[in-house]
Amino acid sequence: MRSTSDTPAEAGVDQMPLHERALKHQIPVLEEPRVRPCGHYPDLTPKEGEVMALLAADLSAVQIAEHTRASDYAVRTRLSTLGLKLGAATSPQITDVACRTGLLVPPRGVLKTPISVTAVTSFQALAEGGTRSWIATRKKVSENTVANHLAVVRARMRTSWNAAAVYRLHGVAPPVLNATVPPCPFCVAGGAS
């Protein structure tokens, strides 16, 4: 959580671009994994948690590697492992599932300028694991149109990457993204209770 302070130095930090704040260790708060209603939880390692938080803080895999002093390969492996543990296929979906299960807690805010319904529906499909080509086929539009929809949402959220925009959109009111908790991948796979 962010601390509130009246000092100008700390107030200036909020004016910094999101990736700079992340590099100054003011990354999103990563709570301990909460036990799902079924009793299972993804057993994230501290490194996986750090990678997930930095992903939500608008850093690319290369920037996360530089920040954590790990190789690009190690970061991509952790992202792949996170996807398996959370039942997600893409970085935006990892962030979406992490927000819906309470692993990441996005800051609360109000969406002052509405986003068009077509842009929001494209972004919802992306957050739920859709690719641009799949979304374009489903909506019967070009991939460029979908790319423009995603760019509009990223611009409104003031982020560079889709995963960070998903993180921020989970905190806005009125809600834009699906807030229901996804099914536990362990239960779906028929794991022990």
C-alpha atoms as a PDB file:
ATOM      1  CA  MET A   1       0.000   0.000   0.000  1.00  0.00           C
ATOM      2  CA  ARG A   2       1.110   3.540  -0.563  1.00  0.00           C
ATOM      3  CA  SER A   3       1.779   5.650   2.454  1.00  0.00           C
ATOM      4  CA  THR A   4       0.289   9.103   2.506  1.00  0.00           C
ATOM      5  CA  SER A   5       2.676  11.921   3.242  1.00  0.00           C
ATOM      6  CA  ASP A   6       2.685  15.669   2.876  1.00  0.00           C
ATOM      7  CA  THR A   7       6.403  16.002   2.184  1.00  0.00           C
ATOM      8  CA  PRO A   8       7.140  17.381  -1.287  1.00  0.00           C
ATOM      9  CA  ALA A   9       9.842  14.775  -1.955  1.00  0.00           C
ATOM     10  CA  GLU A  10       7.455  11.889  -1.401  1.00  0.00           C
ATOM     11  CA  ALA A  11       4.613  13.649  -3.200  1.00  0.00           C
ATOM     12  CA  GLY A  12       6.889  14.038  -6.245  1.00  0.00           C
ATOM     13  CA  VAL A  13       7.364  10.277  -6.435  1.00  0.00           C
ATOM     14  CA  ASP A  14       3.705   9.869  -7.437  1.00  0.00           C
ATOM     15  CA  GLN A  15       4.355  12.120 -10.439  1.00  0.00           C
ATOM     16  CA  MET A  16       7.106   9.810 -11.739  1.00  0.00           C
ATOM     17  CA  PRO A  17       6.314   7.357 -14.550  1.00  0.00           C
ATOM     18  CA  LEU A  18       5.186   4.004 -13.211  1.00  0.00           C
ATOM     19  CA  HIS A  19       8.291   2.101 -14.377  1.00  0.00           C
ATOM     20  CA  GLU A  20      10.537   4.625 -12.575  1.00  0.00           C
ATOM     21  CA  ARG A  21       8.570   4.180  -9.355  1.00  0.00           C
ATOM     22  CA  ALA A  22       9.001   0.421  -9.683  1.00  0.00           C
ATOM     23  CA  LEU A  23      12.727   0.857 -10.085  1.00  0.00           C
ATOM     24  CA  LYS A  24      12.756   2.957  -6.906  1.00  0.00           C
ATOM     25  CA  HIS A  25      11.198  -0.030  -5.105  1.00  0.00           C
ATOM     26  CA  GLN A  26       7.740   1.500  -4.931  1.00  0.00           C
ATOM     27  CA  ILE A  27       6.187  -1.483  -6.645  1.00  0.00           C
ATOM     28  CA  PRO A  28       2.664  -2.794  -6.057  1.00  0.00           C
ATOM     29  CA  VAL A  29       2.149  -4.520  -2.748  1.00  0.00           C
ATOM     30  CA  LEU A  30       2.177  -8.271  -3.154  1.00  0.00           C
ATOM     31  CA  GLU A  31       0.141  -9.939  -0.455  1.00  0.00           C
ATOM     32  CA  GLU A  32       0.765 -13.485   0.617  1.00  0.00           C
ATOM     33  CA  PRO A  33      -1.258 -15.871  -1.529  1.00  0.00           C
ATOM     34  CA  ARG A  34      -4.727 -16.155  -0.068  1.00  0.00           C
ATOM     35  CA  VAL A  35      -6.236 -19.585   0.429  1.00  0.00           C
ATOM     36  CA  ARG A  36      -8.924 -20.126  -2.158  1.00  0.00           C
ATOM     37  CA  PRO A  37     -12.376 -21.201  -0.991  1.00  0.00           C
ATOM     38  CA  CYS A  38     -11.518 -24.765  -2.036  1.00  0.00           C
ATOM     39  CA  GLY A  39      -8.468 -24.777   0.261  1.00  0.00           C
ATOM     40  CA  HIS A  40      -5.809 -24.656  -2.474  1.00  0.00           C
ATOM     41  CA  TYR A  41      -3.466 -21.815  -3.262  1.00  0.00           C
ATOM     42  CA  PRO A  42      -0.653 -21.246  -5.731  1.00  0.00           C
ATOM     43  CA  ASP A  43       2.618 -21.705  -3.863  1.00  0.00           C
ATOM     44  CA  LEU A  44       4.543 -18.813  -5.341  1.00  0.00           C
ATOM     45  CA  THR A  45       8.232 -18.439  -4.647  1.00  0.00           C
ATOM     46  CA  PRO A  46       9.438 -14.993  -3.531  1.00  0.00           C
ATOM     47  CA  LYS A  47      11.103 -14.509  -6.941  1.00  0.00           C
ATOM     48  CA  GLU A  48       7.873 -15.364  -8.767  1.00  0.00           C
ATOM     49  CA  GLY A  49       6.008 -12.909  -6.557  1.00  0.00           C
ATOM     50  CA  GLU A  50       8.558 -10.208  -7.301  1.00  0.00           C
ATOM     51  CA  VAL A  51       8.321 -10.865 -11.055  1.00  0.00           C
ATOM     52  CA  MET A  52       4.509 -10.728 -10.886  1.00  0.00           C
ATOM     53  CA  ALA A  53       4.581  -7.436  -8.963  1.00  0.00           C
ATOM     54  CA  LEU A  54       7.090  -5.887 -11.374  1.00  0.00           C
ATOM     55  CA  LEU A  55       4.984  -7.046 -14.327  1.00  0.00           C
ATOM     56  CA  ALA A  56       2.014  -5.211 -12.816  1.00  0.00           C
ATOM     57  CA  ALA A  57       4.263  -2.186 -12.246  1.00  0.00           C
ATOM     58  CA  ASP A  58       4.639  -1.739 -16.026  1.00  0.00           C
ATOM     59  CA  LEU A  59       8.039  -3.324 -16.560  1.00  0.00           C
ATOM     60  CA  SER A  60       8.864  -5.515 -19.548  1.00  0.00           C
ATOM     61  CA  ALA A  61      10.582  -8.886 -19.124  1.00  0.00           C
ATOM     62  CA  VAL A  62      13.908  -7.284 -20.071  1.00  0.00           C
ATOM     63  CA  GLN A  63      13.430  -4.491 -17.512  1.00  0.00           C
ATOM     64  CA  ILE A  64      12.446  -7.038 -14.851  1.00  0.00           C
ATOM     65  CA  ALA A  65      15.632  -8.990 -15.626  1.00  0.00           C
ATOM     66  CA  GLU A  66      17.724  -5.834 -15.196  1.00  0.00           C
ATOM     67  CA  HIS A  67      15.920  -4.904 -11.966  1.00  0.00           C
ATOM     68  CA  THR A  68      16.213  -8.352 -10.393  1.00  0.00           C
ATOM     69  CA  ARG A  69      19.710  -8.970 -11.767  1.00  0.00           C
ATOM     70  CA  ALA A  70      18.472 -12.180 -13.354  1.00  0.00           C
ATOM     71  CA  SER A  71      18.782 -13.297 -16.928  1.00  0.00           C
ATOM     72  CA  ASP A  72      16.030 -12.609 -19.427  1.00  0.00           C
ATOM     73  CA  TYR A  73      15.644 -16.391 -19.717  1.00  0.00           C
ATOM     74  CA  ALA A  74      15.138 -16.731 -15.934  1.00  0.00           C
ATOM     75  CA  VAL A  75      12.438 -14.041 -15.957  1.00  0.00           C
ATOM     76  CA  ARG A  76      10.622 -15.632 -18.898  1.00  0.00           C
ATOM     77  CA  THR A  77      10.834 -19.021 -17.143  1.00  0.00           C
ATOM     78  CA  ARG A  78       9.318 -17.496 -13.989  1.00  0.00           C
ATOM     79  CA  LEU A  79       6.534 -15.933 -16.076  1.00  0.00           C
ATOM     80  CA  SER A  80       5.863 -19.314 -17.682  1.00  0.00           C
ATOM     81  CA  THR A  81       5.794 -20.996 -14.265  1.00  0.00           C
ATOM     82  CA  LEU A  82       3.466 -18.286 -12.946  1.00  0.00           C
ATOM     83  CA  GLY A  83       1.155 -18.943 -15.875  1.00  0.00           C
ATOM     84  CA  LEU A  84       1.075 -22.649 -15.080  1.00  0.00           C
ATOM     85  CA  LYS A  85       0.467 -22.068 -11.368  1.00  0.00           C
ATOM     86  CA  LEU A  86      -2.300 -19.537 -11.974  1.00  0.00           C
ATOM     87  CA  GLY A  87      -3.833 -21.244 -14.996  1.00  0.00           C
ATOM     88  CA  ALA A  88      -2.978 -18.285 -17.253  1.00  0.00           C
ATOM     89  CA  ALA A  89      -1.597 -18.246 -20.787  1.00  0.00           C
ATOM     90  CA  THR A  90      -0.414 -14.633 -21.186  1.00  0.00           C
ATOM     91  CA  SER A  91       1.123 -11.872 -19.066  1.00  0.00           C
ATOM     92  CA  PRO A  92      -2.115  -9.837 -19.011  1.00  0.00           C
ATOM     93  CA  GLN A  93      -3.984 -12.954 -17.929  1.00  0.00           C
ATOM     94  CA  ILE A  94      -1.425 -13.635 -15.165  1.00  0.00           C
ATOM     95  CA  THR A  95      -2.087 -10.130 -13.848  1.00  0.00           C
ATOM     96  CA  ASP A  96      -5.854 -10.571 -14.224  1.00  0.00           C
ATOM     97  CA  VAL A  97      -5.916 -13.838 -12.274  1.00  0.00           C
ATOM     98  CA  ALA A  98      -3.560 -12.416  -9.626  1.00  0.00           C
ATOM     99  CA  CYS A  99      -5.869  -9.418  -9.106  1.00  0.00           C
ATOM    100  CA  ARG A 100      -9.028 -11.524  -9.001  1.00  0.00           C
ATOM    101  CA  THR A 101      -7.562 -14.006  -6.517  1.00  0.00           C
ATOM    102  CA  GLY A 102      -6.155 -11.277  -4.282  1.00  0.00           C
ATOM    103  CA  LEU A 103      -2.459 -11.950  -4.933  1.00  0.00           C
ATOM    104  CA  LEU A 104      -2.074  -8.409  -6.290  1.00  0.00           C
ATOM    105  CA  VAL A 105      -4.053  -5.546  -4.795  1.00  0.00           C
ATOM    106  CA  PRO A 106      -4.482  -2.702  -7.307  1.00  0.00           C
ATOM    107  CA  PRO A 107      -4.799   0.897  -6.159  1.00  0.00           C
ATOM    108  CA  ARG A 108      -8.358   2.213  -6.107  1.00  0.00           C
ATOM    109  CA  GLY A 109      -9.320   4.935  -8.516  1.00  0.00           C
ATOM    110  CA  VAL A 110     -12.132   6.374 -10.552  1.00  0.00           C
ATOM    111  CA  LEU A 111     -12.218   6.164 -14.327  1.00  0.00           C
ATOM    112  CA  LYS A 112     -12.699   9.880 -15.093  1.00  0.00           C
ATOM    113  CA  THR A 113     -12.836   9.575 -18.878  1.00  0.00           C
ATOM    114  CA  PRO A 114     -14.960   6.686 -20.095  1.00  0.00           C
ATOM    115  CA  ILE A 115     -13.413   4.139 -22.424  1.00  0.00           C
ATOM    116  CA  SER A 116     -15.470   3.085 -25.436  1.00  0.00           C
ATOM    117  CA  VAL A 117     -17.370  -0.169 -25.134  1.00  0.00           C
ATOM    118  CA  THR A 118     -15.541  -1.658 -28.132  1.00  0.00           C
ATOM    119  CA  ALA A 119     -12.124  -0.878 -26.598  1.00  0.00           C
ATOM    120  CA  VAL A 120     -13.200  -2.275 -23.236  1.00  0.00           C
ATOM    121  CA  THR A 121     -14.536  -5.511 -24.736  1.00  0.00           C
ATOM    122  CA  SER A 122     -11.256  -6.022 -26.625  1.00  0.00           C
ATOM    123  CA  PHE A 123      -9.327  -5.452 -23.407  1.00  0.00           C
ATOM    124  CA  GLN A 124     -11.604  -7.759 -21.411  1.00  0.00           C
ATOM    125  CA  ALA A 125     -10.936 -10.539 -23.929  1.00  0.00           C
ATOM    126  CA  LEU A 126      -7.188  -9.864 -23.682  1.00  0.00           C
ATOM    127  CA  ALA A 127      -7.291  -9.978 -19.865  1.00  0.00           C
ATOM    128  CA  GLU A 128      -9.049 -13.315 -20.027  1.00  0.00           C
ATOM    129  CA  GLY A 129      -6.298 -14.819 -22.201  1.00  0.00           C
ATOM    130  CA  GLY A 130      -7.299 -13.946 -25.740  1.00  0.00           C
ATOM    131  CA  THR A 131      -4.717 -13.020 -28.355  1.00  0.00           C
ATOM    132  CA  ARG A 132      -5.083 -10.106 -30.755  1.00  0.00           C
ATOM    133  CA  SER A 133      -5.797 -12.415 -33.689  1.00  0.00           C
ATOM    134  CA  TRP A 134      -8.382 -14.395 -31.689  1.00  0.00           C
ATOM    135  CA  ILE A 135     -10.083 -11.173 -30.542  1.00  0.00           C
ATOM    136  CA  ALA A 136     -10.080  -9.816 -34.109  1.00  0.00           C
ATOM    137  CA  THR A 137     -11.654 -13.013 -35.452  1.00  0.00           C
ATOM    138  CA  ARG A 138     -14.244 -13.088 -32.663  1.00  0.00           C
ATOM    139  CA  LYS A 139     -15.197  -9.412 -33.111  1.00  0.00           C
ATOM    140  CA  LYS A 140     -14.929  -9.560 -36.921  1.00  0.00           C
ATOM    141  CA  VAL A 141     -12.480  -6.648 -37.079  1.00  0.00           C
ATOM    142  CA  SER A 142      -8.855  -6.335 -38.181  1.00  0.00           C
ATOM    143  CA  GLU A 143      -5.939  -7.007 -35.854  1.00  0.00           C
ATOM    144  CA  ASN A 144      -4.962  -3.343 -36.310  1.00  0.00           C
ATOM    145  CA  THR A 145      -8.340  -2.292 -34.928  1.00  0.00           C
ATOM    146  CA  VAL A 146      -7.812  -4.518 -31.899  1.00  0.00           C
ATOM    147  CA  ALA A 147      -4.280  -3.118 -31.477  1.00  0.00           C
ATOM    148  CA  ASN A 148      -5.772   0.396 -31.536  1.00  0.00           C
ATOM    149  CA  HIS A 149      -8.352  -0.571 -28.898  1.00  0.00           C
ATOM    150  CA  LEU A 150      -5.602  -1.908 -26.642  1.00  0.00           C
ATOM    151  CA  ALA A 151      -3.478   1.204 -27.220  1.00  0.00           C
ATOM    152  CA  VAL A 152      -6.381   3.452 -26.225  1.00  0.00           C
ATOM    153  CA  VAL A 153      -6.847   1.590 -22.954  1.00  0.00           C
ATOM    154  CA  ARG A 154      -3.097   1.622 -22.204  1.00  0.00           C
ATOM    155  CA  ALA A 155      -3.020   5.375 -22.867  1.00  0.00           C
ATOM    156  CA  ARG A 156      -5.979   5.994 -20.538  1.00  0.00           C
ATOM    157  CA  MET A 157      -4.316   3.897 -17.847  1.00  0.00           C
ATOM    158  CA  ARG A 158      -0.962   5.601 -18.523  1.00  0.00           C
ATOM    159  CA  THR A 159       0.894   2.329 -18.964  1.00  0.00           C
ATOM    160  CA  SER A 160       3.207   0.892 -21.587  1.00  0.00           C
ATOM    161  CA  TRP A 161       2.270  -2.772 -21.257  1.00  0.00           C
ATOM    162  CA  ASN A 162      -1.065  -4.578 -21.318  1.00  0.00           C
ATOM    163  CA  ALA A 163      -0.400  -6.448 -18.049  1.00  0.00           C
ATOM    164  CA  ALA A 164       0.040  -3.161 -16.161  1.00  0.00           C
ATOM    165  CA  ALA A 165      -3.157  -1.776 -17.694  1.00  0.00           C
ATOM    166  CA  VAL A 166      -5.013  -4.909 -16.517  1.00  0.00           C
ATOM    167  CA  TYR A 167      -3.624  -4.320 -13.025  1.00  0.00           C
ATOM    168  CA  ARG A 168      -4.779  -0.702 -12.986  1.00  0.00           C
ATOM    169  CA  LEU A 169      -8.171  -1.480 -14.516  1.00  0.00           C
ATOM    170  CA  HIS A 170      -8.918  -3.889 -11.664  1.00  0.00           C
ATOM    171  CA  GLY A 171      -8.840  -0.934  -9.296  1.00  0.00           C
ATOM    172  CA  VAL A 172     -11.163   1.449 -11.130  1.00  0.00           C
ATOM    173  CA  ALA A 173     -14.735   2.250 -10.298  1.00  0.00           C
ATOM    174  CA  PRO A 174     -17.122   1.539 -11.885  1.00  0.00           C
ATOM    175  CA  PRO A 175     -15.636  -1.938 -12.495  1.00  0.00           C
ATOM    176  CA  VAL A 176     -14.483  -2.645 -16.041  1.00  0.00           C
ATOM    177  CA  LEU A 177     -12.953  -6.115 -15.808  1.00  0.00           C
ATOM    178  CA  ASN A 178     -14.470  -9.354 -14.575  1.00  0.00           C
ATOM    179  CA  ALA A 179     -14.077  -9.550 -10.791  1.00  0.00           C
ATOM    180  CA  THR A 180     -15.197 -13.140 -10.230  1.00  0.00           C
ATOM    181  CA  VAL A 181     -12.566 -15.497  -8.862  1.00  0.00           C
ATOM    182  CA  PRO A 182     -11.424 -17.978 -11.538  1.00  0.00           C
ATOM    183  CA  PRO A 183     -11.698 -21.696 -10.828  1.00  0.00           C
ATOM    184  CA  CYS A 184      -8.776 -23.241  -8.990  1.00  0.00           C
ATOM    185  CA  PRO A 185      -6.435 -24.959 -11.492  1.00  0.00           C
ATOM    186  CA  PHE A 186      -5.781 -27.701  -8.927  1.00  0.00           C
ATOM    187  CA  CYS A 187      -9.496 -28.505  -8.574  1.00  0.00           C
ATOM    188  CA  VAL A 188     -10.064 -28.374 -12.337  1.00  0.00           C
ATOM    189  CA  ALA A 189      -7.151 -30.810 -12.809  1.00  0.00           C
ATOM    190  CA  GLY A 190      -8.713 -33.160 -10.220  1.00  0.00           C
ATOM    191  CA  GLY A 191      -6.097 -32.573  -7.504  1.00  0.00           C
ATOM    192  CA  ALA A 192      -6.574 -33.694  -3.941  1.00  0.00           C
ATOM    193  CA  SER A 193      -8.756 -31.532  -1.657  1.00  0.00           C
END
